[in-house]
Amino acid sequence: MSSLTGMLPLVLMFVVLYFVMIRPQMKRQKEHRAMIDALTKGDEVVIAGGMLGKVARMSEQYLGVEIAAGVEVQVQRASVVQVLPKGTIK
């Protein structure tokens, strides 16, 4: 009985850790994956590093993002941080 009582705080800490850290992180990953899968040509995005651009080309792993007129960079799909509302980039 005393070994069960000794393990109770450890089990309780794991349960709290799961609900405070692990579960929200899994939810954020799921939302990010859904956002990446929903990207289409012409979407305005923010890529890691804070660069803004418009999706010009798409492939399975990479995106061609136009960051200025005639300037296109190739980035991994996972580097997209946010999809902006249409018309945000002038």
PDB file of N, CA and C in Angstrom:
ATOM      1  N   MET A   1       0.814  -1.194   0.000  1.00  0.00           N
ATOM      2  CA  MET A   1       0.000   0.000   0.000  1.00  0.00           C
ATOM      3  C   MET A   1       0.866   1.270   0.000  1.00  0.00           C
ATOM      4  N   SER A   2       1.993   1.243   0.731  1.00  0.00           N
ATOM      5  CA  SER A   2       2.849   2.433   0.820  1.00  0.00           C
ATOM      6  C   SER A   2       3.537   2.725  -0.518  1.00  0.00           C
ATOM      7  N   SER A   3       3.843   1.688  -1.314  1.00  0.00           N
ATOM      8  CA  SER A   3       4.461   1.930  -2.618  1.00  0.00           C
ATOM      9  C   SER A   3       3.469   2.594  -3.565  1.00  0.00           C
ATOM     10  N   LEU A   4       2.204   2.240  -3.462  1.00  0.00           N
ATOM     11  CA  LEU A   4       1.164   2.875  -4.272  1.00  0.00           C
ATOM     12  C   LEU A   4       1.001   4.337  -3.874  1.00  0.00           C
ATOM     13  N   THR A   5       1.055   4.610  -2.597  1.00  0.00           N
ATOM     14  CA  THR A   5       0.944   5.979  -2.099  1.00  0.00           C
ATOM     15  C   THR A   5       2.171   6.791  -2.529  1.00  0.00           C
ATOM     16  N   GLY A   6       3.316   6.171  -2.593  1.00  0.00           N
ATOM     17  CA  GLY A   6       4.526   6.849  -3.022  1.00  0.00           C
ATOM     18  C   GLY A   6       4.531   7.179  -4.506  1.00  0.00           C
ATOM     19  N   MET A   7       3.856   6.375  -5.299  1.00  0.00           N
ATOM     20  CA  MET A   7       3.796   6.591  -6.752  1.00  0.00           C
ATOM     21  C   MET A   7       2.696   7.584  -7.139  1.00  0.00           C
ATOM     22  N   LEU A   8       1.747   7.835  -6.265  1.00  0.00           N
ATOM     23  CA  LEU A   8       0.612   8.711  -6.569  1.00  0.00           C
ATOM     24  C   LEU A   8       1.055  10.113  -7.001  1.00  0.00           C
ATOM     25  N   PRO A   9       1.979  10.778  -6.301  1.00  0.00           N
ATOM     26  CA  PRO A   9       2.408  12.113  -6.763  1.00  0.00           C
ATOM     27  C   PRO A   9       3.052  12.081  -8.160  1.00  0.00           C
ATOM     28  N   LEU A  10       3.801  11.047  -8.459  1.00  0.00           N
ATOM     29  CA  LEU A  10       4.436  10.922  -9.772  1.00  0.00           C
ATOM     30  C   LEU A  10       3.384  10.778 -10.871  1.00  0.00           C
ATOM     31  N   VAL A  11       2.395   9.930 -10.632  1.00  0.00           N
ATOM     32  CA  VAL A  11       1.316   9.742 -11.604  1.00  0.00           C
ATOM     33  C   VAL A  11       0.520  11.033 -11.765  1.00  0.00           C
ATOM     34  N   LEU A  12       0.246  11.712 -10.664  1.00  0.00           N
ATOM     35  CA  LEU A  12      -0.499  12.971 -10.705  1.00  0.00           C
ATOM     36  C   LEU A  12       0.279  14.033 -11.484  1.00  0.00           C
ATOM     37  N   MET A  13       1.595  14.096 -11.301  1.00  0.00           N
ATOM     38  CA  MET A  13       2.415  15.053 -12.048  1.00  0.00           C
ATOM     39  C   MET A  13       2.381  14.758 -13.546  1.00  0.00           C
ATOM     40  N   PHE A  14       2.410  13.482 -13.919  1.00  0.00           N
ATOM     41  CA  PHE A  14       2.355  13.131 -15.337  1.00  0.00           C
ATOM     42  C   PHE A  14       1.017  13.534 -15.952  1.00  0.00           C
ATOM     43  N   VAL A  15      -0.069  13.321 -15.219  1.00  0.00           N
ATOM     44  CA  VAL A  15      -1.395  13.693 -15.723  1.00  0.00           C
ATOM     45  C   VAL A  15      -1.476  15.201 -15.933  1.00  0.00           C
ATOM     46  N   VAL A  16      -0.979  15.975 -14.975  1.00  0.00           N
ATOM     47  CA  VAL A  16      -0.988  17.432 -15.109  1.00  0.00           C
ATOM     48  C   VAL A  16      -0.107  17.855 -16.287  1.00  0.00           C
ATOM     49  N   LEU A  17       1.066  17.261 -16.423  1.00  0.00           N
ATOM     50  CA  LEU A  17       1.965  17.564 -17.529  1.00  0.00           C
ATOM     51  C   LEU A  17       1.296  17.282 -18.874  1.00  0.00           C
ATOM     52  N   TYR A  18       0.575  16.187 -18.961  1.00  0.00           N
ATOM     53  CA  TYR A  18      -0.113  15.835 -20.199  1.00  0.00           C
ATOM     54  C   TYR A  18      -1.123  16.915 -20.583  1.00  0.00           C
ATOM     55  N   PHE A  19      -1.955  17.336 -19.636  1.00  0.00           N
ATOM     56  CA  PHE A  19      -3.003  18.301 -19.960  1.00  0.00           C
ATOM     57  C   PHE A  19      -2.486  19.727 -20.120  1.00  0.00           C
ATOM     58  N   VAL A  20      -1.361  20.045 -19.496  1.00  0.00           N
ATOM     59  CA  VAL A  20      -0.839  21.407 -19.576  1.00  0.00           C
ATOM     60  C   VAL A  20       0.104  21.591 -20.763  1.00  0.00           C
ATOM     61  N   MET A  21       0.900  20.567 -21.102  1.00  0.00           N
ATOM     62  CA  MET A  21       1.916  20.748 -22.141  1.00  0.00           C
ATOM     63  C   MET A  21       1.721  19.869 -23.371  1.00  0.00           C
ATOM     64  N   ILE A  22       1.545  18.598 -23.190  1.00  0.00           N
ATOM     65  CA  ILE A  22       1.554  17.671 -24.323  1.00  0.00           C
ATOM     66  C   ILE A  22       0.306  17.818 -25.182  1.00  0.00           C
ATOM     67  N   ARG A  23      -0.849  17.828 -24.580  1.00  0.00           N
ATOM     68  CA  ARG A  23      -2.100  17.903 -25.348  1.00  0.00           C
ATOM     69  C   ARG A  23      -2.225  19.204 -26.160  1.00  0.00           C
ATOM     70  N   PRO A  24      -1.962  20.388 -25.563  1.00  0.00           N
ATOM     71  CA  PRO A  24      -2.026  21.619 -26.371  1.00  0.00           C
ATOM     72  C   PRO A  24      -1.023  21.631 -27.528  1.00  0.00           C
ATOM     73  N   GLN A  25       0.173  21.071 -27.308  1.00  0.00           N
ATOM     74  CA  GLN A  25       1.174  21.023 -28.385  1.00  0.00           C
ATOM     75  C   GLN A  25       0.686  20.149 -29.535  1.00  0.00           C
ATOM     76  N   MET A  26       0.075  19.021 -29.221  1.00  0.00           N
ATOM     77  CA  MET A  26      -0.455  18.146 -30.261  1.00  0.00           C
ATOM     78  C   MET A  26      -1.569  18.842 -31.027  1.00  0.00           C
ATOM     79  N   LYS A  27      -2.389  19.629 -30.336  1.00  0.00           N
ATOM     80  CA  LYS A  27      -3.470  20.369 -30.994  1.00  0.00           C
ATOM     81  C   LYS A  27      -2.901  21.417 -31.951  1.00  0.00           C
ATOM     82  N   ARG A  28      -1.852  22.138 -31.516  1.00  0.00           N
ATOM     83  CA  ARG A  28      -1.221  23.137 -32.392  1.00  0.00           C
ATOM     84  C   ARG A  28      -0.605  22.485 -33.627  1.00  0.00           C
ATOM     85  N   GLN A  29       0.030  21.330 -33.454  1.00  0.00           N
ATOM     86  CA  GLN A  29       0.617  20.627 -34.590  1.00  0.00           C
ATOM     87  C   GLN A  29      -0.459  20.208 -35.580  1.00  0.00           C
ATOM     88  N   LYS A  30      -1.588  19.740 -35.089  1.00  0.00           N
ATOM     89  CA  LYS A  30      -2.690  19.320 -35.952  1.00  0.00           C
ATOM     90  C   LYS A  30      -3.243  20.517 -36.733  1.00  0.00           C
ATOM     91  N   GLU A  31      -3.406  21.660 -36.064  1.00  0.00           N
ATOM     92  CA  GLU A  31      -3.900  22.863 -36.735  1.00  0.00           C
ATOM     93  C   GLU A  31      -2.907  23.344 -37.796  1.00  0.00           C
ATOM     94  N   HIS A  32      -1.603  23.304 -37.500  1.00  0.00           N
ATOM     95  CA  HIS A  32      -0.584  23.735 -38.458  1.00  0.00           C
ATOM     96  C   HIS A  32      -0.584  22.824 -39.685  1.00  0.00           C
ATOM     97  N   ARG A  33      -0.701  21.508 -39.456  1.00  0.00           N
ATOM     98  CA  ARG A  33      -0.740  20.553 -40.566  1.00  0.00           C
ATOM     99  C   ARG A  33      -1.958  20.814 -41.452  1.00  0.00           C
ATOM    100  N   ALA A  34      -3.116  21.117 -40.845  1.00  0.00           N
ATOM    101  CA  ALA A  34      -4.326  21.411 -41.623  1.00  0.00           C
ATOM    102  C   ALA A  34      -4.143  22.687 -42.439  1.00  0.00           C
ATOM    103  N   MET A  35      -3.486  23.701 -41.851  1.00  0.00           N
ATOM    104  CA  MET A  35      -3.246  24.955 -42.564  1.00  0.00           C
ATOM    105  C   MET A  35      -2.317  24.713 -43.760  1.00  0.00           C
ATOM    106  N   ILE A  36      -1.274  23.925 -43.575  1.00  0.00           N
ATOM    107  CA  ILE A  36      -0.328  23.617 -44.654  1.00  0.00           C
ATOM    108  C   ILE A  36      -1.030  22.853 -45.777  1.00  0.00           C
ATOM    109  N   ASP A  37      -1.874  21.892 -45.417  1.00  0.00           N
ATOM    110  CA  ASP A  37      -2.580  21.094 -46.423  1.00  0.00           C
ATOM    111  C   ASP A  37      -3.587  21.922 -47.212  1.00  0.00           C
ATOM    112  N   ALA A  38      -4.111  22.995 -46.604  1.00  0.00           N
ATOM    113  CA  ALA A  38      -5.136  23.814 -47.259  1.00  0.00           C
ATOM    114  C   ALA A  38      -4.555  24.926 -48.130  1.00  0.00           C
ATOM    115  N   LEU A  39      -3.233  25.048 -48.187  1.00  0.00           N
ATOM    116  CA  LEU A  39      -2.626  26.107 -49.007  1.00  0.00           C
ATOM    117  C   LEU A  39      -2.966  25.934 -50.478  1.00  0.00           C
ATOM    118  N   THR A  40      -3.219  27.051 -51.147  1.00  0.00           N
ATOM    119  CA  THR A  40      -3.468  27.037 -52.585  1.00  0.00           C
ATOM    120  C   THR A  40      -2.621  28.133 -53.240  1.00  0.00           C
ATOM    121  N   LYS A  41      -2.478  28.028 -54.543  1.00  0.00           N
ATOM    122  CA  LYS A  41      -1.733  29.021 -55.308  1.00  0.00           C
ATOM    123  C   LYS A  41      -2.434  30.372 -55.166  1.00  0.00           C
ATOM    124  N   GLY A  42      -1.670  31.409 -54.878  1.00  0.00           N
ATOM    125  CA  GLY A  42      -2.235  32.743 -54.724  1.00  0.00           C
ATOM    126  C   GLY A  42      -2.453  33.154 -53.278  1.00  0.00           C
ATOM    127  N   ASP A  43      -2.336  32.214 -52.334  1.00  0.00           N
ATOM    128  CA  ASP A  43      -2.475  32.553 -50.918  1.00  0.00           C
ATOM    129  C   ASP A  43      -1.326  33.449 -50.488  1.00  0.00           C
ATOM    130  N   GLU A  44      -1.625  34.393 -49.617  1.00  0.00           N
ATOM    131  CA  GLU A  44      -0.595  35.257 -49.060  1.00  0.00           C
ATOM    132  C   GLU A  44      -0.185  34.668 -47.713  1.00  0.00           C
ATOM    133  N   VAL A  45       1.124  34.481 -47.545  1.00  0.00           N
ATOM    134  CA  VAL A  45       1.616  33.768 -46.371  1.00  0.00           C
ATOM    135  C   VAL A  45       2.768  34.513 -45.700  1.00  0.00           C
ATOM    136  N   VAL A  46       2.995  34.161 -44.432  1.00  0.00           N
ATOM    137  CA  VAL A  46       4.186  34.584 -43.699  1.00  0.00           C
ATOM    138  C   VAL A  46       5.015  33.325 -43.523  1.00  0.00           C
ATOM    139  N   ILE A  47       6.287  33.397 -43.943  1.00  0.00           N
ATOM    140  CA  ILE A  47       7.158  32.239 -43.773  1.00  0.00           C
ATOM    141  C   ILE A  47       8.099  32.502 -42.600  1.00  0.00           C
ATOM    142  N   ALA A  48       8.678  31.438 -42.061  1.00  0.00           N
ATOM    143  CA  ALA A  48       9.590  31.560 -40.913  1.00  0.00           C
ATOM    144  C   ALA A  48      10.653  32.603 -41.225  1.00  0.00           C
ATOM    145  N   GLY A  49      10.915  33.458 -40.293  1.00  0.00           N
ATOM    146  CA  GLY A  49      11.849  34.555 -40.519  1.00  0.00           C
ATOM    147  C   GLY A  49      11.110  35.856 -40.748  1.00  0.00           C
ATOM    148  N   GLY A  50       9.790  35.792 -40.889  1.00  0.00           N
ATOM    149  CA  GLY A  50       8.979  36.989 -41.014  1.00  0.00           C
ATOM    150  C   GLY A  50       8.776  37.505 -42.424  1.00  0.00           C
ATOM    151  N   MET A  51       9.228  36.778 -43.441  1.00  0.00           N
ATOM    152  CA  MET A  51       9.036  37.228 -44.818  1.00  0.00           C
ATOM    153  C   MET A  51       7.597  37.015 -45.264  1.00  0.00           C
ATOM    154  N   LEU A  52       7.057  38.014 -45.953  1.00  0.00           N
ATOM    155  CA  LEU A  52       5.707  37.930 -46.509  1.00  0.00           C
ATOM    156  C   LEU A  52       5.809  37.634 -47.993  1.00  0.00           C
ATOM    157  N   GLY A  53       4.877  36.862 -48.497  1.00  0.00           N
ATOM    158  CA  GLY A  53       4.884  36.567 -49.921  1.00  0.00           C
ATOM    159  C   GLY A  53       3.610  35.902 -50.364  1.00  0.00           C
ATOM    160  N   LYS A  54       3.527  35.685 -51.667  1.00  0.00           N
ATOM    161  CA  LYS A  54       2.361  35.062 -52.289  1.00  0.00           C
ATOM    162  C   LYS A  54       2.787  33.737 -52.889  1.00  0.00           C
ATOM    163  N   VAL A  55       2.028  32.687 -52.642  1.00  0.00           N
ATOM    164  CA  VAL A  55       2.365  31.361 -53.157  1.00  0.00           C
ATOM    165  C   VAL A  55       2.217  31.387 -54.679  1.00  0.00           C
ATOM    166  N   ALA A  56       3.322  31.101 -55.376  1.00  0.00           N
ATOM    167  CA  ALA A  56       3.330  31.121 -56.832  1.00  0.00           C
ATOM    168  C   ALA A  56       3.354  29.705 -57.412  1.00  0.00           C
ATOM    169  N   ARG A  57       4.120  28.808 -56.771  1.00  0.00           N
ATOM    170  CA  ARG A  57       4.213  27.422 -57.235  1.00  0.00           C
ATOM    171  C   ARG A  57       4.088  26.502 -56.033  1.00  0.00           C
ATOM    172  N   MET A  58       3.589  25.307 -56.296  1.00  0.00           N
ATOM    173  CA  MET A  58       3.433  24.330 -55.223  1.00  0.00           C
ATOM    174  C   MET A  58       3.893  22.962 -55.693  1.00  0.00           C
ATOM    175  N   SER A  59       4.554  22.240 -54.784  1.00  0.00           N
ATOM    176  CA  SER A  59       4.875  20.840 -55.014  1.00  0.00           C
ATOM    177  C   SER A  59       4.603  20.099 -53.716  1.00  0.00           C
ATOM    178  N   GLU A  60       4.940  18.828 -53.701  1.00  0.00           N
ATOM    179  CA  GLU A  60       4.655  17.999 -52.525  1.00  0.00           C
ATOM    180  C   GLU A  60       5.349  18.518 -51.274  1.00  0.00           C
ATOM    181  N   GLN A  61       6.625  18.884 -51.388  1.00  0.00           N
ATOM    182  CA  GLN A  61       7.426  19.284 -50.228  1.00  0.00           C
ATOM    183  C   GLN A  61       7.721  20.790 -50.169  1.00  0.00           C
ATOM    184  N   TYR A  62       7.703  21.471 -51.321  1.00  0.00           N
ATOM    185  CA  TYR A  62       8.173  22.849 -51.385  1.00  0.00           C
ATOM    186  C   TYR A  62       7.129  23.784 -51.978  1.00  0.00           C
ATOM    187  N   LEU A  63       7.309  25.073 -51.662  1.00  0.00           N
ATOM    188  CA  LEU A  63       6.482  26.135 -52.228  1.00  0.00           C
ATOM    189  C   LEU A  63       7.394  27.159 -52.887  1.00  0.00           C
ATOM    190  N   GLY A  64       6.934  27.722 -53.986  1.00  0.00           N
ATOM    191  CA  GLY A  64       7.598  28.875 -54.574  1.00  0.00           C
ATOM    192  C   GLY A  64       6.842  30.093 -54.098  1.00  0.00           C
ATOM    193  N   VAL A  65       7.482  30.929 -53.294  1.00  0.00           N
ATOM    194  CA  VAL A  65       6.826  32.105 -52.721  1.00  0.00           C
ATOM    195  C   VAL A  65       7.407  33.352 -53.358  1.00  0.00           C
ATOM    196  N   GLU A  66       6.537  34.152 -53.967  1.00  0.00           N
ATOM    197  CA  GLU A  66       6.959  35.402 -54.603  1.00  0.00           C
ATOM    198  C   GLU A  66       6.987  36.479 -53.532  1.00  0.00           C
ATOM    199  N   ILE A  67       8.196  36.968 -53.201  1.00  0.00           N
ATOM    200  CA  ILE A  67       8.335  37.960 -52.135  1.00  0.00           C
ATOM    201  C   ILE A  67       8.395  39.391 -52.674  1.00  0.00           C
ATOM    202  N   ALA A  68       8.635  39.531 -53.959  1.00  0.00           N
ATOM    203  CA  ALA A  68       8.607  40.826 -54.640  1.00  0.00           C
ATOM    204  C   ALA A  68       8.346  40.532 -56.114  1.00  0.00           C
ATOM    205  N   ALA A  69       8.045  41.577 -56.887  1.00  0.00           N
ATOM    206  CA  ALA A  69       7.768  41.384 -58.300  1.00  0.00           C
ATOM    207  C   ALA A  69       8.975  40.743 -58.983  1.00  0.00           C
ATOM    208  N   GLY A  70       8.806  39.513 -59.479  1.00  0.00           N
ATOM    209  CA  GLY A  70       9.863  38.809 -60.174  1.00  0.00           C
ATOM    210  C   GLY A  70      10.877  38.121 -59.267  1.00  0.00           C
ATOM    211  N   VAL A  71      10.682  38.170 -57.949  1.00  0.00           N
ATOM    212  CA  VAL A  71      11.611  37.527 -57.010  1.00  0.00           C
ATOM    213  C   VAL A  71      10.865  36.395 -56.310  1.00  0.00           C
ATOM    214  N   GLU A  72      11.305  35.181 -56.571  1.00  0.00           N
ATOM    215  CA  GLU A  72      10.637  34.014 -56.001  1.00  0.00           C
ATOM    216  C   GLU A  72      11.643  33.175 -55.226  1.00  0.00           C
ATOM    217  N   VAL A  73      11.267  32.765 -54.027  1.00  0.00           N
ATOM    218  CA  VAL A  73      12.124  31.896 -53.225  1.00  0.00           C
ATOM    219  C   VAL A  73      11.420  30.560 -53.044  1.00  0.00           C
ATOM    220  N   GLN A  74      12.228  29.523 -52.931  1.00  0.00           N
ATOM    221  CA  GLN A  74      11.683  28.191 -52.717  1.00  0.00           C
ATOM    222  C   GLN A  74      11.853  27.857 -51.238  1.00  0.00           C
ATOM    223  N   VAL A  75      10.750  27.495 -50.570  1.00  0.00           N
ATOM    224  CA  VAL A  75      10.778  27.175 -49.139  1.00  0.00           C
ATOM    225  C   VAL A  75      10.056  25.863 -48.890  1.00  0.00           C
ATOM    226  N   GLN A  76      10.363  25.241 -47.776  1.00  0.00           N
ATOM    227  CA  GLN A  76       9.634  24.041 -47.389  1.00  0.00           C
ATOM    228  C   GLN A  76       8.238  24.442 -46.946  1.00  0.00           C
ATOM    229  N   ARG A  77       7.281  23.558 -47.194  1.00  0.00           N
ATOM    230  CA  ARG A  77       5.901  23.831 -46.796  1.00  0.00           C
ATOM    231  C   ARG A  77       5.785  24.102 -45.297  1.00  0.00           C
ATOM    232  N   ALA A  78       6.564  23.376 -44.501  1.00  0.00           N
ATOM    233  CA  ALA A  78       6.477  23.500 -43.049  1.00  0.00           C
ATOM    234  C   ALA A  78       6.947  24.857 -42.542  1.00  0.00           C
ATOM    235  N   SER A  79       7.652  25.634 -43.379  1.00  0.00           N
ATOM    236  CA  SER A  79       8.141  26.939 -42.932  1.00  0.00           C
ATOM    237  C   SER A  79       7.056  28.008 -42.971  1.00  0.00           C
ATOM    238  N   VAL A  80       5.875  27.693 -43.488  1.00  0.00           N
ATOM    239  CA  VAL A  80       4.771  28.649 -43.481  1.00  0.00           C
ATOM    240  C   VAL A  80       4.253  28.768 -42.055  1.00  0.00           C
ATOM    241  N   VAL A  81       4.253  30.002 -41.544  1.00  0.00           N
ATOM    242  CA  VAL A  81       3.839  30.248 -40.174  1.00  0.00           C
ATOM    243  C   VAL A  81       2.369  30.646 -40.122  1.00  0.00           C
ATOM    244  N   GLN A  82       1.918  31.429 -41.109  1.00  0.00           N
ATOM    245  CA  GLN A  82       0.568  31.978 -41.064  1.00  0.00           C
ATOM    246  C   GLN A  82       0.072  32.236 -42.480  1.00  0.00           C
ATOM    247  N   VAL A  83      -1.208  32.054 -42.695  1.00  0.00           N
ATOM    248  CA  VAL A  83      -1.846  32.425 -43.963  1.00  0.00           C
ATOM    249  C   VAL A  83      -2.584  33.733 -43.691  1.00  0.00           C
ATOM    250  N   LEU A  84      -2.291  34.750 -44.507  1.00  0.00           N
ATOM    251  CA  LEU A  84      -2.871  36.068 -44.331  1.00  0.00           C
ATOM    252  C   LEU A  84      -4.160  36.211 -45.134  1.00  0.00           C
ATOM    253  N   PRO A  85      -5.031  37.128 -44.720  1.00  0.00           N
ATOM    254  CA  PRO A  85      -6.231  37.402 -45.519  1.00  0.00           C
ATOM    255  C   PRO A  85      -5.837  37.979 -46.878  1.00  0.00           C
ATOM    256  N   LYS A  86      -6.643  37.684 -47.897  1.00  0.00           N
ATOM    257  CA  LYS A  86      -6.368  38.173 -49.252  1.00  0.00           C
ATOM    258  C   LYS A  86      -6.299  39.708 -49.252  1.00  0.00           C
ATOM    259  N   GLY A  87      -5.324  40.228 -49.987  1.00  0.00           N
ATOM    260  CA  GLY A  87      -5.178  41.677 -50.103  1.00  0.00           C
ATOM    261  C   GLY A  87      -4.318  42.313 -49.028  1.00  0.00           C
ATOM    262  N   THR A  88      -3.726  41.530 -48.156  1.00  0.00           N
ATOM    263  CA  THR A  88      -2.880  42.074 -47.100  1.00  0.00           C
ATOM    264  C   THR A  88      -1.598  42.640 -47.681  1.00  0.00           C
ATOM    265  N   ILE A  89      -1.013  41.932 -48.645  1.00  0.00           N
ATOM    266  CA  ILE A  89       0.231  42.384 -49.266  1.00  0.00           C
ATOM    267  C   ILE A  89      -0.111  43.272 -50.451  1.00  0.00           C
ATOM    268  N   LYS A  90       0.433  44.460 -50.416  1.00  0.00           N
ATOM    269  CA  LYS A  90       0.141  45.425 -51.495  1.00  0.00           C
ATOM    270  C   LYS A  90       1.119  45.252 -52.622  1.00  0.00           C
TER     271      LYS A  90
END
